[in-house]
Amino acid sequence: MKKLIYRTISKLGVSRLMRRLHRADLTIIMYHGFTDCERGSGIQNFEGLHLHVDAFRQHLEHLHGYFKVISLESALDALERDHALPPHAAVITMDDGYRSNY
């Protein structure tokens, strides 16, 4: 059912419309940690918040194709000075400081 909904949304051009409407917005993406274990447990996948590295690579490919990734410092500077952000600006942040972030 989900695939049918996604295909319908795609064919209707909803995602292109939403990208156009929100091109001036800033997207902030936060990750907690990463794992290469298929069934991580404990600190390898604390509360299921650590993303598998293969999925992270896919996220980065998507960001590279559809967003202009900028530093948090650049985003804050633009917002504080009331300067325009690049179209489809995105910031990647890491939370909690796990070794896998490095």
PDB file of N, CA and C in Angstrom:
ATOM      1  N   MET A   1       0.813  -1.191   0.000  1.00  0.00           N
ATOM      2  CA  MET A   1       0.000   0.000   0.000  1.00  0.00           C
ATOM      3  C   MET A   1       0.862   1.263   0.000  1.00  0.00           C
ATOM      4  N   LYS A   2       1.966   1.231   0.800  1.00  0.00           N
ATOM      5  CA  LYS A   2       2.842   2.392   0.853  1.00  0.00           C
ATOM      6  C   LYS A   2       3.439   2.692  -0.516  1.00  0.00           C
ATOM      7  N   LYS A   3       3.856   1.636  -1.222  1.00  0.00           N
ATOM      8  CA  LYS A   3       4.454   1.834  -2.542  1.00  0.00           C
ATOM      9  C   LYS A   3       3.462   2.465  -3.508  1.00  0.00           C
ATOM     10  N   LEU A   4       2.229   2.065  -3.438  1.00  0.00           N
ATOM     11  CA  LEU A   4       1.191   2.639  -4.290  1.00  0.00           C
ATOM     12  C   LEU A   4       1.012   4.126  -3.990  1.00  0.00           C
ATOM     13  N   ILE A   5       0.999   4.466  -2.732  1.00  0.00           N
ATOM     14  CA  ILE A   5       0.854   5.873  -2.336  1.00  0.00           C
ATOM     15  C   ILE A   5       2.046   6.683  -2.834  1.00  0.00           C
ATOM     16  N   TYR A   6       3.263   6.152  -2.634  1.00  0.00           N
ATOM     17  CA  TYR A   6       4.461   6.868  -3.086  1.00  0.00           C
ATOM     18  C   TYR A   6       4.471   7.039  -4.605  1.00  0.00           C
ATOM     19  N   ARG A   7       4.085   6.001  -5.334  1.00  0.00           N
ATOM     20  CA  ARG A   7       4.036   6.105  -6.801  1.00  0.00           C
ATOM     21  C   ARG A   7       3.013   7.146  -7.238  1.00  0.00           C
ATOM     22  N   THR A   8       1.868   7.155  -6.591  1.00  0.00           N
ATOM     23  CA  THR A   8       0.820   8.126  -6.928  1.00  0.00           C
ATOM     24  C   THR A   8       1.302   9.545  -6.660  1.00  0.00           C
ATOM     25  N   ILE A   9       1.899   9.760  -5.510  1.00  0.00           N
ATOM     26  CA  ILE A   9       2.428  11.090  -5.171  1.00  0.00           C
ATOM     27  C   ILE A   9       3.482  11.508  -6.184  1.00  0.00           C
ATOM     28  N   SER A  10       4.342  10.570  -6.554  1.00  0.00           N
ATOM     29  CA  SER A  10       5.391  10.866  -7.518  1.00  0.00           C
ATOM     30  C   SER A  10       4.811  11.243  -8.880  1.00  0.00           C
ATOM     31  N   LYS A  11       3.845  10.477  -9.344  1.00  0.00           N
ATOM     32  CA  LYS A  11       3.244  10.753 -10.654  1.00  0.00           C
ATOM     33  C   LYS A  11       2.499  12.081 -10.674  1.00  0.00           C
ATOM     34  N   LEU A  12       1.947  12.469  -9.544  1.00  0.00           N
ATOM     35  CA  LEU A  12       1.233  13.745  -9.468  1.00  0.00           C
ATOM     36  C   LEU A  12       2.187  14.939  -9.377  1.00  0.00           C
ATOM     37  N   GLY A  13       3.470  14.667  -9.144  1.00  0.00           N
ATOM     38  CA  GLY A  13       4.445  15.759  -9.059  1.00  0.00           C
ATOM     39  C   GLY A  13       4.424  16.490  -7.733  1.00  0.00           C
ATOM     40  N   VAL A  14       3.865  15.866  -6.715  1.00  0.00           N
ATOM     41  CA  VAL A  14       3.764  16.521  -5.408  1.00  0.00           C
ATOM     42  C   VAL A  14       5.142  16.826  -4.840  1.00  0.00           C
ATOM     43  N   SER A  15       6.089  15.902  -4.977  1.00  0.00           N
ATOM     44  CA  SER A  15       7.418  16.146  -4.414  1.00  0.00           C
ATOM     45  C   SER A  15       8.100  17.327  -5.099  1.00  0.00           C
ATOM     46  N   ARG A  16       7.955  17.454  -6.410  1.00  0.00           N
ATOM     47  CA  ARG A  16       8.543  18.610  -7.122  1.00  0.00           C
ATOM     48  C   ARG A  16       7.882  19.907  -6.660  1.00  0.00           C
ATOM     49  N   LEU A  17       6.570  19.871  -6.489  1.00  0.00           N
ATOM     50  CA  LEU A  17       5.865  21.061  -6.017  1.00  0.00           C
ATOM     51  C   LEU A  17       6.335  21.449  -4.623  1.00  0.00           C
ATOM     52  N   MET A  18       6.455  20.476  -3.727  1.00  0.00           N
ATOM     53  CA  MET A  18       6.894  20.772  -2.367  1.00  0.00           C
ATOM     54  C   MET A  18       8.320  21.309  -2.349  1.00  0.00           C
ATOM     55  N   ARG A  19       9.198  20.748  -3.184  1.00  0.00           N
ATOM     56  CA  ARG A  19      10.574  21.269  -3.258  1.00  0.00           C
ATOM     57  C   ARG A  19      10.576  22.709  -3.729  1.00  0.00           C
ATOM     58  N   ARG A  20       9.733  23.013  -4.699  1.00  0.00           N
ATOM     59  CA  ARG A  20       9.670  24.379  -5.211  1.00  0.00           C
ATOM     60  C   ARG A  20       9.144  25.339  -4.152  1.00  0.00           C
ATOM     61  N   LEU A  21       8.111  24.923  -3.438  1.00  0.00           N
ATOM     62  CA  LEU A  21       7.508  25.776  -2.409  1.00  0.00           C
ATOM     63  C   LEU A  21       8.436  26.010  -1.223  1.00  0.00           C
ATOM     64  N   HIS A  22       9.309  25.046  -0.945  1.00  0.00           N
ATOM     65  CA  HIS A  22      10.169  25.128   0.239  1.00  0.00           C
ATOM     66  C   HIS A  22      11.636  25.340  -0.094  1.00  0.00           C
ATOM     67  N   ARG A  23      11.932  25.809  -1.288  1.00  0.00           N
ATOM     68  CA  ARG A  23      13.338  25.944  -1.681  1.00  0.00           C
ATOM     69  C   ARG A  23      14.101  26.958  -0.840  1.00  0.00           C
ATOM     70  N   ALA A  24      13.412  27.926  -0.222  1.00  0.00           N
ATOM     71  CA  ALA A  24      14.090  28.927   0.602  1.00  0.00           C
ATOM     72  C   ALA A  24      14.212  28.479   2.056  1.00  0.00           C
ATOM     73  N   ASP A  25      13.592  27.370   2.416  1.00  0.00           N
ATOM     74  CA  ASP A  25      13.634  26.881   3.793  1.00  0.00           C
ATOM     75  C   ASP A  25      14.955  26.169   4.079  1.00  0.00           C
ATOM     76  N   LEU A  26      15.306  26.139   5.347  1.00  0.00           N
ATOM     77  CA  LEU A  26      16.485  25.421   5.796  1.00  0.00           C
ATOM     78  C   LEU A  26      16.052  24.079   6.371  1.00  0.00           C
ATOM     79  N   THR A  27      16.663  23.011   5.890  1.00  0.00           N
ATOM     80  CA  THR A  27      16.412  21.677   6.413  1.00  0.00           C
ATOM     81  C   THR A  27      17.573  21.294   7.312  1.00  0.00           C
ATOM     82  N   ILE A  28      17.263  20.853   8.532  1.00  0.00           N
ATOM     83  CA  ILE A  28      18.299  20.400   9.460  1.00  0.00           C
ATOM     84  C   ILE A  28      18.055  18.925   9.736  1.00  0.00           C
ATOM     85  N   ILE A  29      19.079  18.126   9.501  1.00  0.00           N
ATOM     86  CA  ILE A  29      18.981  16.680   9.667  1.00  0.00           C
ATOM     87  C   ILE A  29      19.904  16.284  10.808  1.00  0.00           C
ATOM     88  N   MET A  30      19.355  15.556  11.791  1.00  0.00           N
ATOM     89  CA  MET A  30      20.137  15.156  12.943  1.00  0.00           C
ATOM     90  C   MET A  30      20.274  13.633  12.989  1.00  0.00           C
ATOM     91  N   TYR A  31      21.495  13.179  13.173  1.00  0.00           N
ATOM     92  CA  TYR A  31      21.779  11.763  13.334  1.00  0.00           C
ATOM     93  C   TYR A  31      22.320  11.539  14.738  1.00  0.00           C
ATOM     94  N   HIS A  32      22.002  10.376  15.308  1.00  0.00           N
ATOM     95  CA  HIS A  32      22.503  10.034  16.634  1.00  0.00           C
ATOM     96  C   HIS A  32      23.778   9.216  16.555  1.00  0.00           C
ATOM     97  N   GLY A  33      23.815   8.282  15.652  1.00  0.00           N
ATOM     98  CA  GLY A  33      24.979   7.417  15.530  1.00  0.00           C
ATOM     99  C   GLY A  33      24.796   6.477  14.365  1.00  0.00           C
ATOM    100  N   PHE A  34      25.834   5.694  14.098  1.00  0.00           N
ATOM    101  CA  PHE A  34      25.828   4.808  12.945  1.00  0.00           C
ATOM    102  C   PHE A  34      26.320   3.433  13.361  1.00  0.00           C
ATOM    103  N   THR A  35      25.927   2.439  12.619  1.00  0.00           N
ATOM    104  CA  THR A  35      26.362   1.080  12.895  1.00  0.00           C
ATOM    105  C   THR A  35      26.540   0.333  11.587  1.00  0.00           C
ATOM    106  N   ASP A  36      27.455  -0.642  11.612  1.00  0.00           N
ATOM    107  CA  ASP A  36      27.588  -1.532  10.459  1.00  0.00           C
ATOM    108  C   ASP A  36      27.077  -2.922  10.813  1.00  0.00           C
ATOM    109  N   CYS A  37      26.521  -3.065  11.993  1.00  0.00           N
ATOM    110  CA  CYS A  37      25.947  -4.341  12.423  1.00  0.00           C
ATOM    111  C   CYS A  37      24.523  -4.464  11.895  1.00  0.00           C
ATOM    112  N   GLU A  38      24.204  -5.636  11.403  1.00  0.00           N
ATOM    113  CA  GLU A  38      22.853  -5.865  10.899  1.00  0.00           C
ATOM    114  C   GLU A  38      21.831  -5.824  12.022  1.00  0.00           C
ATOM    115  N   ARG A  39      22.164  -6.365  13.136  1.00  0.00           N
ATOM    116  CA  ARG A  39      21.259  -6.375  14.290  1.00  0.00           C
ATOM    117  C   ARG A  39      22.002  -5.804  15.481  1.00  0.00           C
ATOM    118  N   GLY A  40      22.308  -4.527  15.404  1.00  0.00           N
ATOM    119  CA  GLY A  40      23.048  -3.884  16.475  1.00  0.00           C
ATOM    120  C   GLY A  40      22.268  -3.895  17.773  1.00  0.00           C
ATOM    121  N   SER A  41      22.974  -4.020  18.858  1.00  0.00           N
ATOM    122  CA  SER A  41      22.340  -3.967  20.162  1.00  0.00           C
ATOM    123  C   SER A  41      23.243  -3.179  21.090  1.00  0.00           C
ATOM    124  N   GLY A  42      22.700  -2.807  22.228  1.00  0.00           N
ATOM    125  CA  GLY A  42      23.489  -2.044  23.182  1.00  0.00           C
ATOM    126  C   GLY A  42      23.970  -0.756  22.547  1.00  0.00           C
ATOM    127  N   ILE A  43      25.213  -0.430  22.776  1.00  0.00           N
ATOM    128  CA  ILE A  43      25.767   0.826  22.266  1.00  0.00           C
ATOM    129  C   ILE A  43      25.879   0.817  20.750  1.00  0.00           C
ATOM    130  N   GLN A  44      25.923  -0.388  20.120  1.00  0.00           N
ATOM    131  CA  GLN A  44      25.983  -0.470  18.652  1.00  0.00           C
ATOM    132  C   GLN A  44      24.733   0.108  18.009  1.00  0.00           C
ATOM    133  N   ASN A  45      23.609   0.070  18.718  1.00  0.00           N
ATOM    134  CA  ASN A  45      22.383   0.641  18.167  1.00  0.00           C
ATOM    135  C   ASN A  45      21.497   1.081  19.328  1.00  0.00           C
ATOM    136  N   PHE A  46      21.965   2.039  20.087  1.00  0.00           N
ATOM    137  CA  PHE A  46      21.283   2.514  21.285  1.00  0.00           C
ATOM    138  C   PHE A  46      19.846   2.914  20.979  1.00  0.00           C
ATOM    139  N   GLU A  47      18.904   2.214  21.561  1.00  0.00           N
ATOM    140  CA  GLU A  47      17.468   2.467  21.407  1.00  0.00           C
ATOM    141  C   GLU A  47      17.029   2.536  19.937  1.00  0.00           C
ATOM    142  N   GLY A  48      17.747   1.845  19.057  1.00  0.00           N
ATOM    143  CA  GLY A  48      17.370   1.822  17.649  1.00  0.00           C
ATOM    144  C   GLY A  48      17.617   3.139  16.930  1.00  0.00           C
ATOM    145  N   LEU A  49      18.415   4.015  17.521  1.00  0.00           N
ATOM    146  CA  LEU A  49      18.640   5.339  16.937  1.00  0.00           C
ATOM    147  C   LEU A  49      19.844   5.409  16.009  1.00  0.00           C
ATOM    148  N   HIS A  50      20.648   4.349  15.973  1.00  0.00           N
ATOM    149  CA  HIS A  50      21.824   4.370  15.109  1.00  0.00           C
ATOM    150  C   HIS A  50      21.452   3.833  13.741  1.00  0.00           C
ATOM    151  N   LEU A  51      21.782   4.583  12.733  1.00  0.00           N
ATOM    152  CA  LEU A  51      21.442   4.255  11.354  1.00  0.00           C
ATOM    153  C   LEU A  51      22.517   3.361  10.752  1.00  0.00           C
ATOM    154  N   HIS A  52      22.102   2.373   9.984  1.00  0.00           N
ATOM    155  CA  HIS A  52      23.077   1.518   9.312  1.00  0.00           C
ATOM    156  C   HIS A  52      23.866   2.372   8.312  1.00  0.00           C
ATOM    157  N   VAL A  53      25.157   2.111   8.203  1.00  0.00           N
ATOM    158  CA  VAL A  53      26.021   2.923   7.345  1.00  0.00           C
ATOM    159  C   VAL A  53      25.572   2.900   5.884  1.00  0.00           C
ATOM    160  N   ASP A  54      25.002   1.795   5.418  1.00  0.00           N
ATOM    161  CA  ASP A  54      24.519   1.739   4.034  1.00  0.00           C
ATOM    162  C   ASP A  54      23.350   2.703   3.833  1.00  0.00           C
ATOM    163  N   ALA A  55      22.469   2.783   4.810  1.00  0.00           N
ATOM    164  CA  ALA A  55      21.345   3.723   4.732  1.00  0.00           C
ATOM    165  C   ALA A  55      21.861   5.159   4.795  1.00  0.00           C
ATOM    166  N   PHE A  56      22.899   5.398   5.611  1.00  0.00           N
ATOM    167  CA  PHE A  56      23.484   6.742   5.687  1.00  0.00           C
ATOM    168  C   PHE A  56      24.069   7.147   4.331  1.00  0.00           C
ATOM    169  N   ARG A  57      24.734   6.214   3.660  1.00  0.00           N
ATOM    170  CA  ARG A  57      25.266   6.506   2.324  1.00  0.00           C
ATOM    171  C   ARG A  57      24.136   6.907   1.365  1.00  0.00           C
ATOM    172  N   GLN A  58      23.022   6.205   1.452  1.00  0.00           N
ATOM    173  CA  GLN A  58      21.869   6.545   0.609  1.00  0.00           C
ATOM    174  C   GLN A  58      21.343   7.934   0.954  1.00  0.00           C
ATOM    175  N   HIS A  59      21.298   8.257   2.238  1.00  0.00           N
ATOM    176  CA  HIS A  59      20.870   9.597   2.644  1.00  0.00           C
ATOM    177  C   HIS A  59      21.788  10.652   2.027  1.00  0.00           C
ATOM    178  N   LEU A  60      23.103  10.410   2.114  1.00  0.00           N
ATOM    179  CA  LEU A  60      24.065  11.377   1.577  1.00  0.00           C
ATOM    180  C   LEU A  60      23.919  11.531   0.067  1.00  0.00           C
ATOM    181  N   GLU A  61      23.680  10.434  -0.633  1.00  0.00           N
ATOM    182  CA  GLU A  61      23.469  10.514  -2.084  1.00  0.00           C
ATOM    183  C   GLU A  61      22.224  11.348  -2.395  1.00  0.00           C
ATOM    184  N   HIS A  62      21.166  11.142  -1.626  1.00  0.00           N
ATOM    185  CA  HIS A  62      19.941  11.926  -1.823  1.00  0.00           C
ATOM    186  C   HIS A  62      20.210  13.403  -1.542  1.00  0.00           C
ATOM    187  N   LEU A  63      20.884  13.692  -0.447  1.00  0.00           N
ATOM    188  CA  LEU A  63      21.206  15.083  -0.117  1.00  0.00           C
ATOM    189  C   LEU A  63      22.053  15.718  -1.209  1.00  0.00           C
ATOM    190  N   HIS A  64      23.029  14.984  -1.706  1.00  0.00           N
ATOM    191  CA  HIS A  64      23.905  15.500  -2.761  1.00  0.00           C
ATOM    192  C   HIS A  64      23.111  15.841  -4.027  1.00  0.00           C
ATOM    193  N   GLY A  65      22.102  15.051  -4.314  1.00  0.00           N
ATOM    194  CA  GLY A  65      21.326  15.266  -5.528  1.00  0.00           C
ATOM    195  C   GLY A  65      20.251  16.340  -5.422  1.00  0.00           C
ATOM    196  N   TYR A  66      19.767  16.603  -4.212  1.00  0.00           N
ATOM    197  CA  TYR A  66      18.603  17.481  -4.078  1.00  0.00           C
ATOM    198  C   TYR A  66      18.785  18.668  -3.144  1.00  0.00           C
ATOM    199  N   PHE A  67      19.899  18.747  -2.428  1.00  0.00           N
ATOM    200  CA  PHE A  67      20.104  19.823  -1.463  1.00  0.00           C
ATOM    201  C   PHE A  67      21.488  20.427  -1.614  1.00  0.00           C
ATOM    202  N   LYS A  68      21.646  21.620  -1.085  1.00  0.00           N
ATOM    203  CA  LYS A  68      22.954  22.262  -0.961  1.00  0.00           C
ATOM    204  C   LYS A  68      23.314  22.167   0.514  1.00  0.00           C
ATOM    205  N   VAL A  69      24.197  21.226   0.854  1.00  0.00           N
ATOM    206  CA  VAL A  69      24.585  21.032   2.249  1.00  0.00           C
ATOM    207  C   VAL A  69      25.576  22.117   2.643  1.00  0.00           C
ATOM    208  N   ILE A  70      25.260  22.801   3.737  1.00  0.00           N
ATOM    209  CA  ILE A  70      26.113  23.880   4.248  1.00  0.00           C
ATOM    210  C   ILE A  70      26.414  23.596   5.715  1.00  0.00           C
ATOM    211  N   SER A  71      27.382  24.296   6.249  1.00  0.00           N
ATOM    212  CA  SER A  71      27.724  24.104   7.660  1.00  0.00           C
ATOM    213  C   SER A  71      26.678  24.793   8.536  1.00  0.00           C
ATOM    214  N   LEU A  72      26.577  24.335   9.755  1.00  0.00           N
ATOM    215  CA  LEU A  72      25.675  24.961  10.714  1.00  0.00           C
ATOM    216  C   LEU A  72      26.096  26.404  10.943  1.00  0.00           C
ATOM    217  N   GLU A  73      27.392  26.646  10.992  1.00  0.00           N
ATOM    218  CA  GLU A  73      27.911  27.999  11.175  1.00  0.00           C
ATOM    219  C   GLU A  73      27.451  28.922  10.041  1.00  0.00           C
ATOM    220  N   SER A  74      27.531  28.451   8.806  1.00  0.00           N
ATOM    221  CA  SER A  74      27.088  29.259   7.658  1.00  0.00           C
ATOM    222  C   SER A  74      25.594  29.547   7.727  1.00  0.00           C
ATOM    223  N   ALA A  75      24.819  28.551   8.127  1.00  0.00           N
ATOM    224  CA  ALA A  75      23.369  28.740   8.230  1.00  0.00           C
ATOM    225  C   ALA A  75      23.039  29.768   9.303  1.00  0.00           C
ATOM    226  N   LEU A  76      23.660  29.633  10.467  1.00  0.00           N
ATOM    227  CA  LEU A  76      23.403  30.582  11.559  1.00  0.00           C
ATOM    228  C   LEU A  76      23.818  31.990  11.171  1.00  0.00           C
ATOM    229  N   ASP A  77      24.965  32.105  10.509  1.00  0.00           N
ATOM    230  CA  ASP A  77      25.442  33.418  10.069  1.00  0.00           C
ATOM    231  C   ASP A  77      24.447  34.059   9.110  1.00  0.00           C
ATOM    232  N   ALA A  78      23.953  33.307   8.153  1.00  0.00           N
ATOM    233  CA  ALA A  78      22.987  33.844   7.183  1.00  0.00           C
ATOM    234  C   ALA A  78      21.695  34.253   7.883  1.00  0.00           C
ATOM    235  N   LEU A  79      21.233  33.426   8.812  1.00  0.00           N
ATOM    236  CA  LEU A  79      19.986  33.744   9.509  1.00  0.00           C
ATOM    237  C   LEU A  79      20.139  34.954  10.420  1.00  0.00           C
ATOM    238  N   GLU A  80      21.277  35.059  11.125  1.00  0.00           N
ATOM    239  CA  GLU A  80      21.505  36.190  12.015  1.00  0.00           C
ATOM    240  C   GLU A  80      21.632  37.499  11.245  1.00  0.00           C
ATOM    241  N   ARG A  81      22.227  37.452  10.068  1.00  0.00           N
ATOM    242  CA  ARG A  81      22.435  38.666   9.259  1.00  0.00           C
ATOM    243  C   ARG A  81      21.290  38.928   8.291  1.00  0.00           C
ATOM    244  N   ASP A  82      20.290  38.048   8.342  1.00  0.00           N
ATOM    245  CA  ASP A  82      19.127  38.152   7.459  1.00  0.00           C
ATOM    246  C   ASP A  82      19.545  38.074   5.986  1.00  0.00           C
ATOM    247  N   HIS A  83      20.549  37.225   5.714  1.00  0.00           N
ATOM    248  CA  HIS A  83      20.995  36.976   4.343  1.00  0.00           C
ATOM    249  C   HIS A  83      20.252  35.755   3.804  1.00  0.00           C
ATOM    250  N   ALA A  84      20.132  35.693   2.514  1.00  0.00           N
ATOM    251  CA  ALA A  84      19.454  34.554   1.890  1.00  0.00           C
ATOM    252  C   ALA A  84      20.314  33.299   1.994  1.00  0.00           C
ATOM    253  N   LEU A  85      19.667  32.213   2.255  1.00  0.00           N
ATOM    254  CA  LEU A  85      20.334  30.911   2.223  1.00  0.00           C
ATOM    255  C   LEU A  85      20.345  30.408   0.782  1.00  0.00           C
ATOM    256  N   PRO A  86      21.256  29.497   0.446  1.00  0.00           N
ATOM    257  CA  PRO A  86      21.188  28.902  -0.886  1.00  0.00           C
ATOM    258  C   PRO A  86      19.866  28.152  -1.046  1.00  0.00           C
ATOM    259  N   PRO A  87      19.348  28.046  -2.253  1.00  0.00           N
ATOM    260  CA  PRO A  87      18.128  27.251  -2.441  1.00  0.00           C
ATOM    261  C   PRO A  87      18.335  25.822  -1.961  1.00  0.00           C
ATOM    262  N   HIS A  88      17.340  25.277  -1.285  1.00  0.00           N
ATOM    263  CA  HIS A  88      17.357  23.896  -0.781  1.00  0.00           C
ATOM    264  C   HIS A  88      18.541  23.652   0.158  1.00  0.00           C
ATOM    265  N   ALA A  89      18.804  24.611   1.044  1.00  0.00           N
ATOM    266  CA  ALA A  89      19.912  24.480   1.994  1.00  0.00           C
ATOM    267  C   ALA A  89      19.593  23.411   3.036  1.00  0.00           C
ATOM    268  N   ALA A  90      20.622  22.649   3.407  1.00  0.00           N
ATOM    269  CA  ALA A  90      20.482  21.623   4.432  1.00  0.00           C
ATOM    270  C   ALA A  90      21.731  21.610   5.304  1.00  0.00           C
ATOM    271  N   VAL A  91      21.528  21.297   6.581  1.00  0.00           N
ATOM    272  CA  VAL A  91      22.617  21.159   7.546  1.00  0.00           C
ATOM    273  C   VAL A  91      22.532  19.762   8.133  1.00  0.00           C
ATOM    274  N   ILE A  92      23.672  19.096   8.243  1.00  0.00           N
ATOM    275  CA  ILE A  92      23.738  17.777   8.874  1.00  0.00           C
ATOM    276  C   ILE A  92      24.338  17.970  10.257  1.00  0.00           C
ATOM    277  N   THR A  93      23.644  17.461  11.278  1.00  0.00           N
ATOM    278  CA  THR A  93      24.164  17.552  12.643  1.00  0.00           C
ATOM    279  C   THR A  93      24.259  16.162  13.253  1.00  0.00           C
ATOM    280  N   MET A  94      25.114  16.036  14.253  1.00  0.00           N
ATOM    281  CA  MET A  94      25.293  14.789  14.990  1.00  0.00           C
ATOM    282  C   MET A  94      24.959  15.053  16.450  1.00  0.00           C
ATOM    283  N   ASP A  95      24.245  14.127  17.051  1.00  0.00           N
ATOM    284  CA  ASP A  95      23.828  14.267  18.432  1.00  0.00           C
ATOM    285  C   ASP A  95      24.529  13.213  19.281  1.00  0.00           C
ATOM    286  N   ASP A  96      24.813  13.523  20.507  1.00  0.00           N
ATOM    287  CA  ASP A  96      25.283  12.597  21.535  1.00  0.00           C
ATOM    288  C   ASP A  96      26.775  12.276  21.482  1.00  0.00           C
ATOM    289  N   GLY A  97      27.466  12.522  20.390  1.00  0.00           N
ATOM    290  CA  GLY A  97      28.909  12.337  20.353  1.00  0.00           C
ATOM    291  C   GLY A  97      29.396  10.893  20.414  1.00  0.00           C
ATOM    292  N   TYR A  98      28.686   9.976  19.792  1.00  0.00           N
ATOM    293  CA  TYR A  98      29.148   8.591  19.729  1.00  0.00           C
ATOM    294  C   TYR A  98      30.373   8.490  18.826  1.00  0.00           C
ATOM    295  N   ARG A  99      31.200   7.526  19.092  1.00  0.00           N
ATOM    296  CA  ARG A  99      32.413   7.311  18.301  1.00  0.00           C
ATOM    297  C   ARG A  99      32.060   7.103  16.825  1.00  0.00           C
ATOM    298  N   SER A 100      30.920   6.485  16.566  1.00  0.00           N
ATOM    299  CA  SER A 100      30.516   6.206  15.182  1.00  0.00           C
ATOM    300  C   SER A 100      30.274   7.484  14.384  1.00  0.00           C
ATOM    301  N   ASN A 101      30.055   8.608  15.063  1.00  0.00           N
ATOM    302  CA  ASN A 101      29.906   9.892  14.360  1.00  0.00           C
ATOM    303  C   ASN A 101      31.211  10.263  13.677  1.00  0.00           C
ATOM    304  N   TYR A 102      32.298   9.953  14.339  1.00  0.00           N
ATOM    305  CA  TYR A 102      33.605  10.279  13.797  1.00  0.00           C
ATOM    306  C   TYR A 102      33.891   9.426  12.578  1.00  0.00           C
TER     307      TYR A 102
END
